[in-house]
PDB file of N, CA and C in Angstrom:
ATOM      1  N   MET A   1      65.962   2.943 -77.194  1.00  0.00           N
ATOM      2  CA  MET A   1      65.618   1.635 -76.179  1.00  0.00           C
ATOM      3  C   MET A   1      64.505   1.196 -76.294  1.00  0.00           C
ATOM      4  N   ASP A   2      64.466  -0.045 -76.339  1.00  0.00           N
ATOM      5  CA  ASP A   2      63.663  -0.882 -76.363  1.00  0.00           C
ATOM      6  C   ASP A   2      63.276  -1.165 -75.180  1.00  0.00           C
ATOM      7  N   ALA A   3      61.395  -1.497 -74.842  1.00  0.00           N
ATOM      8  CA  ALA A   3      61.203  -1.585 -73.662  1.00  0.00           C
ATOM      9  C   ALA A   3      60.598  -3.513 -73.640  1.00  0.00           C
ATOM     10  N   LYS A   4      60.787  -3.743 -72.622  1.00  0.00           N
ATOM     11  CA  LYS A   4      60.847  -5.627 -72.729  1.00  0.00           C
ATOM     12  C   LYS A   4      59.406  -5.547 -71.753  1.00  0.00           C
ATOM     13  N   PRO A   5      58.058  -6.211 -72.235  1.00  0.00           N
ATOM     14  CA  PRO A   5      57.289  -6.656 -71.804  1.00  0.00           C
ATOM     15  C   PRO A   5      57.429  -7.297 -70.447  1.00  0.00           C
ATOM     16  N   LEU A   6      56.622  -7.021 -69.455  1.00  0.00           N
ATOM     17  CA  LEU A   6      56.651  -7.508 -68.262  1.00  0.00           C
ATOM     18  C   LEU A   6      55.972  -9.157 -68.371  1.00  0.00           C
ATOM     19  N   SER A   7      56.479  -9.912 -67.107  1.00  0.00           N
ATOM     20  CA  SER A   7      56.432 -10.914 -67.326  1.00  0.00           C
ATOM     21  C   SER A   7      54.892 -11.817 -66.349  1.00  0.00           C
ATOM     22  N   ILE A   8      54.186 -12.477 -67.224  1.00  0.00           N
ATOM     23  CA  ILE A   8      53.188 -12.987 -66.045  1.00  0.00           C
ATOM     24  C   ILE A   8      53.276 -12.393 -64.545  1.00  0.00           C
ATOM     25  N   SER A   9      54.679 -13.475 -63.898  1.00  0.00           N
ATOM     26  CA  SER A   9      54.946 -13.427 -62.637  1.00  0.00           C
ATOM     27  C   SER A   9      55.421 -11.671 -61.734  1.00  0.00           C
ATOM     28  N   SER A  10      55.892 -11.081 -62.338  1.00  0.00           N
ATOM     29  CA  SER A  10      56.101  -9.754 -62.533  1.00  0.00           C
ATOM     30  C   SER A  10      54.599  -8.815 -62.495  1.00  0.00           C
ATOM     31  N   LEU A  11      53.918  -8.790 -63.430  1.00  0.00           N
ATOM     32  CA  LEU A  11      52.538  -8.552 -63.414  1.00  0.00           C
ATOM     33  C   LEU A  11      51.689  -8.670 -61.822  1.00  0.00           C
ATOM     34  N   LEU A  12      52.262 -10.404 -61.805  1.00  0.00           N
ATOM     35  CA  LEU A  12      51.444 -10.637 -59.929  1.00  0.00           C
ATOM     36  C   LEU A  12      51.720  -9.942 -59.255  1.00  0.00           C
ATOM     37  N   LEU A  13      53.145  -9.609 -59.145  1.00  0.00           N
ATOM     38  CA  LEU A  13      53.834  -9.168 -57.956  1.00  0.00           C
ATOM     39  C   LEU A  13      53.321  -7.795 -57.978  1.00  0.00           C
ATOM     40  N   VAL A  14      53.306  -6.923 -59.164  1.00  0.00           N
ATOM     41  CA  VAL A  14      53.051  -5.054 -59.064  1.00  0.00           C
ATOM     42  C   VAL A  14      51.099  -5.517 -58.465  1.00  0.00           C
ATOM     43  N   PHE A  15      51.048  -6.566 -58.835  1.00  0.00           N
ATOM     44  CA  PHE A  15      48.999  -6.509 -58.541  1.00  0.00           C
ATOM     45  C   PHE A  15      49.246  -6.298 -56.725  1.00  0.00           C
ATOM     46  N   LEU A  16      49.851  -7.598 -56.386  1.00  0.00           N
ATOM     47  CA  LEU A  16      50.010  -7.672 -55.028  1.00  0.00           C
ATOM     48  C   LEU A  16      50.444  -6.763 -53.953  1.00  0.00           C
ATOM     49  N   ILE A  17      51.297  -5.733 -54.858  1.00  0.00           N
ATOM     50  CA  ILE A  17      51.788  -4.550 -53.937  1.00  0.00           C
ATOM     51  C   ILE A  17      50.757  -3.572 -53.828  1.00  0.00           C
ATOM     52  N   VAL A  18      50.106  -3.751 -54.711  1.00  0.00           N
ATOM     53  CA  VAL A  18      49.738  -2.095 -55.551  1.00  0.00           C
ATOM     54  C   VAL A  18      48.053  -2.678 -54.413  1.00  0.00           C
ATOM     55  N   SER A  19      47.454  -4.031 -54.267  1.00  0.00           N
ATOM     56  CA  SER A  19      46.669  -4.356 -53.648  1.00  0.00           C
ATOM     57  C   SER A  19      46.332  -4.230 -52.007  1.00  0.00           C
ATOM     58  N   THR A  20      47.840  -4.719 -51.514  1.00  0.00           N
ATOM     59  CA  THR A  20      48.458  -4.403 -50.030  1.00  0.00           C
ATOM     60  C   THR A  20      48.542  -3.084 -49.936  1.00  0.00           C
ATOM     61  N   ALA A  21      48.890  -1.954 -50.788  1.00  0.00           N
ATOM     62  CA  ALA A  21      48.877  -0.923 -50.333  1.00  0.00           C
ATOM     63  C   ALA A  21      47.467  -0.085 -50.294  1.00  0.00           C
ATOM     64  N   MET A  22      46.290  -0.665 -51.148  1.00  0.00           N
ATOM     65  CA  MET A  22      45.585  -0.002 -51.370  1.00  0.00           C
ATOM     66  C   MET A  22      44.469  -0.332 -49.820  1.00  0.00           C
ATOM     67  N   ALA A  23      44.608  -1.585 -49.766  1.00  0.00           N
ATOM     68  CA  ALA A  23      44.022  -2.523 -48.406  1.00  0.00           C
ATOM     69  C   ALA A  23      44.167  -1.689 -47.602  1.00  0.00           C
ATOM     70  N   GLU A  24      45.770  -1.060 -47.296  1.00  0.00           N
ATOM     71  CA  GLU A  24      46.249  -0.376 -45.679  1.00  0.00           C
ATOM     72  C   GLU A  24      45.741   1.324 -45.927  1.00  0.00           C
ATOM     73  N   SER A  25      45.850   1.972 -47.065  1.00  0.00           N
ATOM     74  CA  SER A  25      44.897   2.880 -46.826  1.00  0.00           C
ATOM     75  C   SER A  25      43.643   3.088 -47.054  1.00  0.00           C
ATOM     76  N   THR A  26      42.917   2.213 -47.091  1.00  0.00           N
ATOM     77  CA  THR A  26      41.713   2.079 -46.902  1.00  0.00           C
ATOM     78  C   THR A  26      41.182   2.547 -45.256  1.00  0.00           C
ATOM     79  N   PRO A  27      40.316   3.205 -45.240  1.00  0.00           N
ATOM     80  CA  PRO A  27      40.027   4.184 -43.772  1.00  0.00           C
ATOM     81  C   PRO A  27      39.383   2.620 -43.402  1.00  0.00           C
ATOM     82  N   LYS A  28      39.719   2.237 -41.894  1.00  0.00           N
ATOM     83  CA  LYS A  28      39.317   0.882 -40.706  1.00  0.00           C
ATOM     84  C   LYS A  28      37.800   2.201 -40.653  1.00  0.00           C
ATOM     85  N   PRO A  29      36.327   0.640 -40.755  1.00  0.00           N
ATOM     86  CA  PRO A  29      35.469   1.291 -39.922  1.00  0.00           C
ATOM     87  C   PRO A  29      35.855   1.347 -38.259  1.00  0.00           C
ATOM     88  N   VAL A  30      35.143   2.149 -37.905  1.00  0.00           N
ATOM     89  CA  VAL A  30      35.113   2.631 -36.660  1.00  0.00           C
ATOM     90  C   VAL A  30      33.994   1.343 -36.223  1.00  0.00           C
ATOM     91  N   ASP A  31      34.529   1.106 -34.698  1.00  0.00           N
ATOM     92  CA  ASP A  31      34.103  -0.346 -33.649  1.00  0.00           C
ATOM     93  C   ASP A  31      32.997  -0.356 -33.387  1.00  0.00           C
ATOM     94  N   SER A  32      32.068  -1.134 -33.735  1.00  0.00           N
ATOM     95  CA  SER A  32      30.428  -0.622 -32.894  1.00  0.00           C
ATOM     96  C   SER A  32      30.524  -0.963 -31.902  1.00  0.00           C
ATOM     97  N   ALA A  33      29.589  -0.174 -30.946  1.00  0.00           N
ATOM     98  CA  ALA A  33      29.833  -0.338 -29.499  1.00  0.00           C
ATOM     99  C   ALA A  33      29.758  -1.504 -29.070  1.00  0.00           C
ATOM    100  N   ASP A  34      28.655  -2.304 -30.015  1.00  0.00           N
ATOM    101  CA  ASP A  34      28.549  -4.003 -29.687  1.00  0.00           C
ATOM    102  C   ASP A  34      29.700  -4.782 -30.397  1.00  0.00           C
ATOM    103  N   SER A  35      30.550  -5.114 -29.845  1.00  0.00           N
ATOM    104  CA  SER A  35      31.660  -6.196 -30.018  1.00  0.00           C
ATOM    105  C   SER A  35      30.798  -7.155 -30.126  1.00  0.00           C
ATOM    106  N   SER A  36      30.127  -7.626 -29.903  1.00  0.00           N
ATOM    107  CA  SER A  36      29.682  -8.973 -30.237  1.00  0.00           C
ATOM    108  C   SER A  36      28.750  -9.572 -31.681  1.00  0.00           C
ATOM    109  N   THR A  37      28.623  -7.964 -32.202  1.00  0.00           N
ATOM    110  CA  THR A  37      28.126  -8.590 -33.309  1.00  0.00           C
ATOM    111  C   THR A  37      28.976  -9.468 -34.876  1.00  0.00           C
ATOM    112  N   PRO A  38      28.465 -10.599 -34.965  1.00  0.00           N
ATOM    113  CA  PRO A  38      29.064 -11.054 -35.430  1.00  0.00           C
ATOM    114  C   PRO A  38      29.603 -10.575 -37.310  1.00  0.00           C
ATOM    115  N   ALA A  39      30.443 -10.583 -37.426  1.00  0.00           N
ATOM    116  CA  ALA A  39      31.390 -10.478 -38.777  1.00  0.00           C
ATOM    117  C   ALA A  39      31.536 -11.294 -39.700  1.00  0.00           C
ATOM    118  N   VAL A  40      32.103 -11.259 -40.616  1.00  0.00           N
ATOM    119  CA  VAL A  40      32.769 -12.606 -41.616  1.00  0.00           C
ATOM    120  C   VAL A  40      34.045 -12.172 -41.839  1.00  0.00           C
ATOM    121  N   HIS A  41      34.101 -14.268 -41.502  1.00  0.00           N
ATOM    122  CA  HIS A  41      35.988 -14.060 -40.920  1.00  0.00           C
ATOM    123  C   HIS A  41      36.187 -15.416 -42.213  1.00  0.00           C
ATOM    124  N   ILE A  42      37.301 -15.085 -42.680  1.00  0.00           N
ATOM    125  CA  ILE A  42      37.928 -16.075 -43.381  1.00  0.00           C
ATOM    126  C   ILE A  42      38.507 -16.987 -42.550  1.00  0.00           C
ATOM    127  N   VAL A  43      38.424 -18.447 -42.366  1.00  0.00           N
ATOM    128  CA  VAL A  43      39.127 -19.507 -41.573  1.00  0.00           C
ATOM    129  C   VAL A  43      40.080 -20.327 -42.200  1.00  0.00           C
ATOM    130  N   TYR A  44      41.386 -20.059 -42.099  1.00  0.00           N
ATOM    131  CA  TYR A  44      42.146 -20.879 -43.321  1.00  0.00           C
ATOM    132  C   TYR A  44      42.745 -22.263 -42.144  1.00  0.00           C
ATOM    133  N   THR A  45      42.545 -23.994 -42.869  1.00  0.00           N
ATOM    134  CA  THR A  45      42.616 -24.424 -41.745  1.00  0.00           C
ATOM    135  C   THR A  45      43.979 -25.653 -42.542  1.00  0.00           C
ATOM    136  N   GLU A  46      44.184 -26.454 -41.896  1.00  0.00           N
ATOM    137  CA  GLU A  46      45.056 -27.628 -42.667  1.00  0.00           C
ATOM    138  C   GLU A  46      43.952 -28.914 -43.338  1.00  0.00           C
ATOM    139  N   LYS A  47      44.520 -29.195 -44.442  1.00  0.00           N
ATOM    140  CA  LYS A  47      43.202 -30.017 -45.581  1.00  0.00           C
ATOM    141  C   LYS A  47      43.223 -31.182 -44.464  1.00  0.00           C
ATOM    142  N   PRO A  48      41.773 -31.416 -44.148  1.00  0.00           N
ATOM    143  CA  PRO A  48      41.423 -32.754 -43.714  1.00  0.00           C
ATOM    144  C   PRO A  48      41.922 -34.561 -44.235  1.00  0.00           C
ATOM    145  N   GLU A  49      42.035 -34.869 -43.623  1.00  0.00           N
ATOM    146  CA  GLU A  49      42.724 -36.273 -44.251  1.00  0.00           C
ATOM    147  C   GLU A  49      41.575 -37.541 -44.240  1.00  0.00           C
ATOM    148  N   SER A  50      40.946 -37.280 -43.408  1.00  0.00           N
ATOM    149  CA  SER A  50      40.310 -38.675 -43.120  1.00  0.00           C
ATOM    150  C   SER A  50      38.613 -37.843 -43.520  1.00  0.00           C
ATOM    151  N   GLU A  51      38.315 -37.180 -43.905  1.00  0.00           N
ATOM    152  CA  GLU A  51      37.219 -36.504 -43.900  1.00  0.00           C
ATOM    153  C   GLU A  51      36.940 -35.716 -45.084  1.00  0.00           C
ATOM    154  N   GLU A  52      35.626 -35.551 -45.161  1.00  0.00           N
ATOM    155  CA  GLU A  52      35.000 -34.508 -46.344  1.00  0.00           C
ATOM    156  C   GLU A  52      35.449 -32.745 -45.907  1.00  0.00           C
ATOM    157  N   PRO A  53      35.725 -32.076 -46.490  1.00  0.00           N
ATOM    158  CA  PRO A  53      36.219 -30.692 -46.159  1.00  0.00           C
ATOM    159  C   PRO A  53      34.930 -29.800 -45.190  1.00  0.00           C
ATOM    160  N   GLU A  54      33.910 -29.905 -45.901  1.00  0.00           N
ATOM    161  CA  GLU A  54      32.885 -29.024 -45.532  1.00  0.00           C
ATOM    162  C   GLU A  54      32.105 -30.003 -43.692  1.00  0.00           C
ATOM    163  N   ALA A  55      32.356 -31.300 -43.845  1.00  0.00           N
ATOM    164  CA  ALA A  55      32.376 -31.444 -42.640  1.00  0.00           C
ATOM    165  C   ALA A  55      33.261 -31.540 -41.591  1.00  0.00           C
ATOM    166  N   TYR A  56      34.695 -31.305 -42.133  1.00  0.00           N
ATOM    167  CA  TYR A  56      35.770 -30.900 -41.424  1.00  0.00           C
ATOM    168  C   TYR A  56      35.315 -29.438 -40.438  1.00  0.00           C
ATOM    169  N   HIS A  57      35.060 -28.354 -41.603  1.00  0.00           N
ATOM    170  CA  HIS A  57      34.383 -27.038 -41.390  1.00  0.00           C
ATOM    171  C   HIS A  57      33.841 -26.890 -40.157  1.00  0.00           C
ATOM    172  N   ILE A  58      32.545 -27.761 -40.150  1.00  0.00           N
ATOM    173  CA  ILE A  58      31.558 -27.517 -39.347  1.00  0.00           C
ATOM    174  C   ILE A  58      31.772 -28.168 -38.746  1.00  0.00           C
ATOM    175  N   ARG A  59      32.134 -29.541 -38.173  1.00  0.00           N
ATOM    176  CA  ARG A  59      32.742 -29.680 -36.930  1.00  0.00           C
ATOM    177  C   ARG A  59      33.886 -28.873 -35.888  1.00  0.00           C
ATOM    178  N   THR A  60      34.681 -27.797 -36.684  1.00  0.00           N
ATOM    179  CA  THR A  60      35.322 -26.894 -36.141  1.00  0.00           C
ATOM    180  C   THR A  60      34.288 -25.945 -35.389  1.00  0.00           C
ATOM    181  N   LEU A  61      33.997 -25.384 -36.187  1.00  0.00           N
ATOM    182  CA  LEU A  61      32.514 -24.325 -35.881  1.00  0.00           C
ATOM    183  C   LEU A  61      31.958 -24.857 -34.752  1.00  0.00           C
ATOM    184  N   THR A  62      31.708 -26.463 -34.868  1.00  0.00           N
ATOM    185  CA  THR A  62      30.738 -26.536 -33.529  1.00  0.00           C
ATOM    186  C   THR A  62      31.412 -26.992 -32.495  1.00  0.00           C
ATOM    187  N   ALA A  63      32.508 -27.037 -32.520  1.00  0.00           N
ATOM    188  CA  ALA A  63      33.698 -26.813 -31.179  1.00  0.00           C
ATOM    189  C   ALA A  63      33.841 -25.830 -30.375  1.00  0.00           C
ATOM    190  N   VAL A  64      33.307 -24.783 -31.504  1.00  0.00           N
ATOM    191  CA  VAL A  64      33.249 -23.501 -30.678  1.00  0.00           C
ATOM    192  C   VAL A  64      31.852 -22.462 -30.180  1.00  0.00           C
ATOM    193  N   LEU A  65      30.775 -23.246 -31.158  1.00  0.00           N
ATOM    194  CA  LEU A  65      29.353 -22.643 -31.566  1.00  0.00           C
ATOM    195  C   LEU A  65      28.348 -23.025 -30.352  1.00  0.00           C
ATOM    196  N   GLY A  66      29.248 -24.519 -30.268  1.00  0.00           N
ATOM    197  CA  GLY A  66      28.156 -25.349 -29.232  1.00  0.00           C
ATOM    198  C   GLY A  66      26.967 -26.491 -30.005  1.00  0.00           C
ATOM    199  N   SER A  67      26.394 -25.938 -30.948  1.00  0.00           N
ATOM    200  CA  SER A  67      25.842 -26.784 -31.949  1.00  0.00           C
ATOM    201  C   SER A  67      26.114 -27.430 -33.166  1.00  0.00           C
ATOM    202  N   GLU A  68      25.662 -28.109 -33.982  1.00  0.00           N
ATOM    203  CA  GLU A  68      25.998 -28.032 -35.167  1.00  0.00           C
ATOM    204  C   GLU A  68      24.938 -27.547 -35.811  1.00  0.00           C
ATOM    205  N   GLU A  69      23.840 -27.183 -35.098  1.00  0.00           N
ATOM    206  CA  GLU A  69      22.654 -26.218 -35.964  1.00  0.00           C
ATOM    207  C   GLU A  69      23.420 -24.520 -35.884  1.00  0.00           C
ATOM    208  N   ALA A  70      24.394 -24.351 -35.063  1.00  0.00           N
ATOM    209  CA  ALA A  70      24.922 -22.836 -35.121  1.00  0.00           C
ATOM    210  C   ALA A  70      25.839 -22.680 -36.114  1.00  0.00           C
ATOM    211  N   ALA A  71      26.506 -24.259 -36.217  1.00  0.00           N
ATOM    212  CA  ALA A  71      27.520 -24.136 -36.926  1.00  0.00           C
ATOM    213  C   ALA A  71      27.893 -23.918 -38.261  1.00  0.00           C
ATOM    214  N   LYS A  72      26.069 -24.736 -38.786  1.00  0.00           N
ATOM    215  CA  LYS A  72      25.705 -24.769 -40.164  1.00  0.00           C
ATOM    216  C   LYS A  72      25.248 -23.535 -40.346  1.00  0.00           C
ATOM    217  N   GLU A  73      24.467 -22.731 -39.777  1.00  0.00           N
ATOM    218  CA  GLU A  73      23.669 -21.518 -39.724  1.00  0.00           C
ATOM    219  C   GLU A  73      25.414 -20.460 -40.017  1.00  0.00           C
ATOM    220  N   ALA A  74      26.463 -20.323 -39.389  1.00  0.00           N
ATOM    221  CA  ALA A  74      27.291 -19.637 -39.187  1.00  0.00           C
ATOM    222  C   ALA A  74      27.665 -19.474 -40.384  1.00  0.00           C
ATOM    223  N   LEU A  75      28.225 -21.123 -41.023  1.00  0.00           N
ATOM    224  CA  LEU A  75      29.376 -21.276 -42.365  1.00  0.00           C
ATOM    225  C   LEU A  75      28.810 -21.009 -43.603  1.00  0.00           C
ATOM    226  N   LEU A  76      29.344 -19.861 -44.192  1.00  0.00           N
ATOM    227  CA  LEU A  76      28.627 -18.950 -45.166  1.00  0.00           C
ATOM    228  C   LEU A  76      29.147 -20.060 -46.506  1.00  0.00           C
ATOM    229  N   TYR A  77      30.544 -20.080 -46.755  1.00  0.00           N
ATOM    230  CA  TYR A  77      31.220 -21.136 -47.762  1.00  0.00           C
ATOM    231  C   TYR A  77      32.377 -22.070 -47.472  1.00  0.00           C
ATOM    232  N   SER A  78      32.425 -23.203 -47.456  1.00  0.00           N
ATOM    233  CA  SER A  78      33.603 -23.866 -47.802  1.00  0.00           C
ATOM    234  C   SER A  78      34.232 -23.839 -48.597  1.00  0.00           C
ATOM    235  N   TYR A  79      35.797 -23.628 -48.313  1.00  0.00           N
ATOM    236  CA  TYR A  79      36.571 -23.574 -49.403  1.00  0.00           C
ATOM    237  C   TYR A  79      37.333 -25.032 -49.607  1.00  0.00           C
ATOM    238  N   LYS A  80      37.503 -25.927 -50.437  1.00  0.00           N
ATOM    239  CA  LYS A  80      38.096 -27.140 -50.974  1.00  0.00           C
ATOM    240  C   LYS A  80      39.241 -27.322 -52.244  1.00  0.00           C
ATOM    241  N   SER A  81      39.406 -25.986 -53.159  1.00  0.00           N
ATOM    242  CA  SER A  81      40.354 -26.437 -53.831  1.00  0.00           C
ATOM    243  C   SER A  81      41.950 -25.931 -53.894  1.00  0.00           C
ATOM    244  N   ALA A  82      41.564 -24.174 -54.108  1.00  0.00           N
ATOM    245  CA  ALA A  82      42.927 -23.446 -53.756  1.00  0.00           C
ATOM    246  C   ALA A  82      43.872 -23.491 -52.268  1.00  0.00           C
ATOM    247  N   ALA A  83      42.508 -23.448 -51.511  1.00  0.00           N
ATOM    248  CA  ALA A  83      43.064 -23.268 -49.726  1.00  0.00           C
ATOM    249  C   ALA A  83      41.785 -24.012 -49.194  1.00  0.00           C
ATOM    250  N   SER A  84      42.299 -24.658 -48.167  1.00  0.00           N
ATOM    251  CA  SER A  84      41.409 -25.158 -47.537  1.00  0.00           C
ATOM    252  C   SER A  84      41.046 -24.332 -45.981  1.00  0.00           C
ATOM    253  N   GLY A  85      39.292 -24.091 -45.619  1.00  0.00           N
ATOM    254  CA  GLY A  85      38.794 -23.364 -44.904  1.00  0.00           C
ATOM    255  C   GLY A  85      37.812 -22.629 -45.343  1.00  0.00           C
ATOM    256  N   PHE A  86      37.300 -22.701 -44.978  1.00  0.00           N
ATOM    257  CA  PHE A  86      35.753 -21.503 -44.762  1.00  0.00           C
ATOM    258  C   PHE A  86      35.732 -19.984 -44.306  1.00  0.00           C
ATOM    259  N   SER A  87      34.576 -19.371 -44.591  1.00  0.00           N
ATOM    260  CA  SER A  87      33.850 -18.416 -44.330  1.00  0.00           C
ATOM    261  C   SER A  87      32.945 -18.643 -43.424  1.00  0.00           C
ATOM    262  N   ALA A  88      32.790 -17.886 -42.244  1.00  0.00           N
ATOM    263  CA  ALA A  88      31.636 -17.491 -41.115  1.00  0.00           C
ATOM    264  C   ALA A  88      31.134 -16.357 -40.593  1.00  0.00           C
ATOM    265  N   LYS A  89      30.103 -16.325 -40.272  1.00  0.00           N
ATOM    266  CA  LYS A  89      29.703 -15.015 -39.388  1.00  0.00           C
ATOM    267  C   LYS A  89      30.387 -15.383 -38.190  1.00  0.00           C
ATOM    268  N   LEU A  90      31.808 -14.418 -37.139  1.00  0.00           N
ATOM    269  CA  LEU A  90      31.774 -14.992 -35.727  1.00  0.00           C
ATOM    270  C   LEU A  90      31.664 -13.921 -34.795  1.00  0.00           C
ATOM    271  N   THR A  91      31.246 -13.988 -33.662  1.00  0.00           N
ATOM    272  CA  THR A  91      32.010 -12.604 -32.911  1.00  0.00           C
ATOM    273  C   THR A  91      33.456 -12.753 -32.811  1.00  0.00           C
ATOM    274  N   PRO A  92      33.733 -11.350 -32.240  1.00  0.00           N
ATOM    275  CA  PRO A  92      35.408 -11.397 -31.843  1.00  0.00           C
ATOM    276  C   PRO A  92      35.401 -12.253 -30.949  1.00  0.00           C
ATOM    277  N   GLU A  93      34.940 -12.760 -29.938  1.00  0.00           N
ATOM    278  CA  GLU A  93      35.031 -13.814 -28.963  1.00  0.00           C
ATOM    279  C   GLU A  93      34.812 -15.104 -29.451  1.00  0.00           C
ATOM    280  N   GLN A  94      34.064 -15.243 -30.742  1.00  0.00           N
ATOM    281  CA  GLN A  94      34.568 -16.812 -31.276  1.00  0.00           C
ATOM    282  C   GLN A  94      35.804 -17.094 -32.279  1.00  0.00           C
ATOM    283  N   VAL A  95      36.221 -15.529 -32.940  1.00  0.00           N
ATOM    284  CA  VAL A  95      37.517 -15.631 -33.335  1.00  0.00           C
ATOM    285  C   VAL A  95      38.537 -15.988 -32.455  1.00  0.00           C
ATOM    286  N   SER A  96      38.326 -15.748 -31.556  1.00  0.00           N
ATOM    287  CA  SER A  96      40.026 -16.087 -30.475  1.00  0.00           C
ATOM    288  C   SER A  96      39.661 -17.322 -30.234  1.00  0.00           C
ATOM    289  N   GLU A  97      38.672 -17.433 -30.056  1.00  0.00           N
ATOM    290  CA  GLU A  97      38.316 -18.944 -29.728  1.00  0.00           C
ATOM    291  C   GLU A  97      38.688 -20.280 -30.516  1.00  0.00           C
ATOM    292  N   ILE A  98      38.281 -20.190 -32.178  1.00  0.00           N
ATOM    293  CA  ILE A  98      38.527 -20.555 -33.111  1.00  0.00           C
ATOM    294  C   ILE A  98      39.982 -20.350 -33.385  1.00  0.00           C
ATOM    295  N   SER A  99      40.716 -19.587 -33.049  1.00  0.00           N
ATOM    296  CA  SER A  99      42.046 -19.593 -33.442  1.00  0.00           C
ATOM    297  C   SER A  99      42.999 -20.670 -32.880  1.00  0.00           C
ATOM    298  N   LYS A 100      42.096 -21.062 -31.724  1.00  0.00           N
ATOM    299  CA  LYS A 100      43.024 -21.974 -30.542  1.00  0.00           C
ATOM    300  C   LYS A 100      42.738 -23.142 -31.595  1.00  0.00           C
ATOM    301  N   GLN A 101      41.486 -23.616 -32.251  1.00  0.00           N
ATOM    302  CA  GLN A 101      41.504 -25.317 -32.469  1.00  0.00           C
ATOM    303  C   GLN A 101      42.083 -25.805 -32.922  1.00  0.00           C
ATOM    304  N   PRO A 102      42.964 -27.417 -32.800  1.00  0.00           N
ATOM    305  CA  PRO A 102      43.488 -27.509 -33.973  1.00  0.00           C
ATOM    306  C   PRO A 102      43.202 -27.385 -35.364  1.00  0.00           C
ATOM    307  N   GLY A 103      43.813 -27.508 -35.761  1.00  0.00           N
ATOM    308  CA  GLY A 103      44.381 -27.508 -37.379  1.00  0.00           C
ATOM    309  C   GLY A 103      43.462 -25.558 -38.013  1.00  0.00           C
ATOM    310  N   VAL A 104      43.437 -25.230 -37.284  1.00  0.00           N
ATOM    311  CA  VAL A 104      43.201 -23.744 -37.863  1.00  0.00           C
ATOM    312  C   VAL A 104      44.690 -22.922 -38.105  1.00  0.00           C
ATOM    313  N   LEU A 105      44.628 -22.452 -39.070  1.00  0.00           N
ATOM    314  CA  LEU A 105      46.132 -21.755 -39.617  1.00  0.00           C
ATOM    315  C   LEU A 105      46.242 -20.411 -38.959  1.00  0.00           C
ATOM    316  N   GLN A 106      44.828 -19.772 -39.533  1.00  0.00           N
ATOM    317  CA  GLN A 106      44.811 -18.541 -39.328  1.00  0.00           C
ATOM    318  C   GLN A 106      43.026 -17.845 -40.126  1.00  0.00           C
ATOM    319  N   VAL A 107      42.717 -16.693 -38.953  1.00  0.00           N
ATOM    320  CA  VAL A 107      41.653 -16.603 -38.954  1.00  0.00           C
ATOM    321  C   VAL A 107      41.433 -14.677 -39.822  1.00  0.00           C
ATOM    322  N   VAL A 108      40.920 -14.577 -40.515  1.00  0.00           N
ATOM    323  CA  VAL A 108      41.032 -12.961 -40.885  1.00  0.00           C
ATOM    324  C   VAL A 108      39.586 -12.716 -41.453  1.00  0.00           C
ATOM    325  N   PRO A 109      39.750 -11.549 -41.017  1.00  0.00           N
ATOM    326  CA  PRO A 109      38.571 -10.645 -41.723  1.00  0.00           C
ATOM    327  C   PRO A 109      38.239 -10.535 -43.000  1.00  0.00           C
ATOM    328  N   SER A 110      37.089 -10.883 -43.672  1.00  0.00           N
ATOM    329  CA  SER A 110      36.856 -10.943 -44.825  1.00  0.00           C
ATOM    330  C   SER A 110      36.657  -9.650 -45.350  1.00  0.00           C
ATOM    331  N   ARG A 111      37.002  -9.195 -46.492  1.00  0.00           N
ATOM    332  CA  ARG A 111      37.571  -8.069 -47.076  1.00  0.00           C
ATOM    333  C   ARG A 111      37.224  -7.720 -48.420  1.00  0.00           C
ATOM    334  N   THR A 112      36.315  -6.774 -49.224  1.00  0.00           N
ATOM    335  CA  THR A 112      35.934  -6.487 -50.571  1.00  0.00           C
ATOM    336  C   THR A 112      36.752  -5.569 -50.903  1.00  0.00           C
ATOM    337  N   LEU A 113      37.629  -5.783 -52.023  1.00  0.00           N
ATOM    338  CA  LEU A 113      38.245  -4.476 -52.730  1.00  0.00           C
ATOM    339  C   LEU A 113      37.965  -4.372 -54.137  1.00  0.00           C
ATOM    340  N   GLN A 114      37.929  -3.315 -53.979  1.00  0.00           N
ATOM    341  CA  GLN A 114      37.598  -2.925 -55.313  1.00  0.00           C
ATOM    342  C   GLN A 114      38.448  -2.376 -56.585  1.00  0.00           C
ATOM    343  N   VAL A 115      38.421  -3.012 -57.541  1.00  0.00           N
ATOM    344  CA  VAL A 115      39.786  -2.864 -58.427  1.00  0.00           C
ATOM    345  C   VAL A 115      39.384  -1.344 -58.785  1.00  0.00           C
ATOM    346  N   HIS A 116      40.059   0.003 -59.125  1.00  0.00           N
ATOM    347  CA  HIS A 116      40.233   0.987 -59.608  1.00  0.00           C
ATOM    348  C   HIS A 116      40.273   1.193 -61.319  1.00  0.00           C
ATOM    349  N   SER A 117      39.001   0.979 -62.417  1.00  0.00           N
ATOM    350  CA  SER A 117      39.333   0.985 -63.903  1.00  0.00           C
ATOM    351  C   SER A 117      40.010   2.032 -64.465  1.00  0.00           C
ATOM    352  N   GLY A 118      40.087   3.106 -63.975  1.00  0.00           N
ATOM    353  CA  GLY A 118      40.924   4.295 -64.432  1.00  0.00           C
ATOM    354  C   GLY A 118      39.829   5.283 -65.404  1.00  0.00           C
ATOM    355  N   PRO A 119      40.270   6.248 -65.543  1.00  0.00           N
ATOM    356  CA  PRO A 119      39.757   7.197 -65.853  1.00  0.00           C
ATOM    357  C   PRO A 119      38.310   7.428 -66.479  1.00  0.00           C
ATOM    358  N   MET A 120      37.971   6.423 -67.122  1.00  0.00           N
ATOM    359  CA  MET A 120      36.639   5.840 -68.149  1.00  0.00           C
ATOM    360  C   MET A 120      35.937   5.097 -67.188  1.00  0.00           C
ATOM    361  N   ASN A 121      36.417   5.109 -66.315  1.00  0.00           N
ATOM    362  CA  ASN A 121      35.184   3.724 -65.609  1.00  0.00           C
ATOM    363  C   ASN A 121      34.399   2.259 -65.880  1.00  0.00           C
ATOM    364  N   LEU A 122      35.441   2.142 -66.413  1.00  0.00           N
ATOM    365  CA  LEU A 122      35.098   0.592 -67.568  1.00  0.00           C
ATOM    366  C   LEU A 122      35.068  -0.215 -66.680  1.00  0.00           C
ATOM    367  N   HIS A 123      33.939  -1.136 -66.741  1.00  0.00           N
ATOM    368  CA  HIS A 123      33.828  -2.226 -65.840  1.00  0.00           C
ATOM    369  C   HIS A 123      33.378  -3.402 -66.320  1.00  0.00           C
TER     370      HIS A 123
END
């Protein structure tokens, strides 16, 4: 019986399933006693039509944080190509507030996943 090579879409599907399984099996950190500590979140937004993405992201953050200076300090990165959104350091209360802003589609905690390279630990 001849084995057929996997297509790119099949490999991508397998990667997504394994990544999701790994993320779900990763132990969750215990919440700290101070729930006002900012953590990095990814904020997905609609693509702005009439202004530059970064200006739109700062304006969206300003509505929650109260000043443009605070928004610029919290903003870590603006995503402009494959997705529209930004990463920022936000407290749980700020996450709740920014989720209600017009144009905000989703807010998720930023996580770093490590790919295991196998028994030889090649990187």
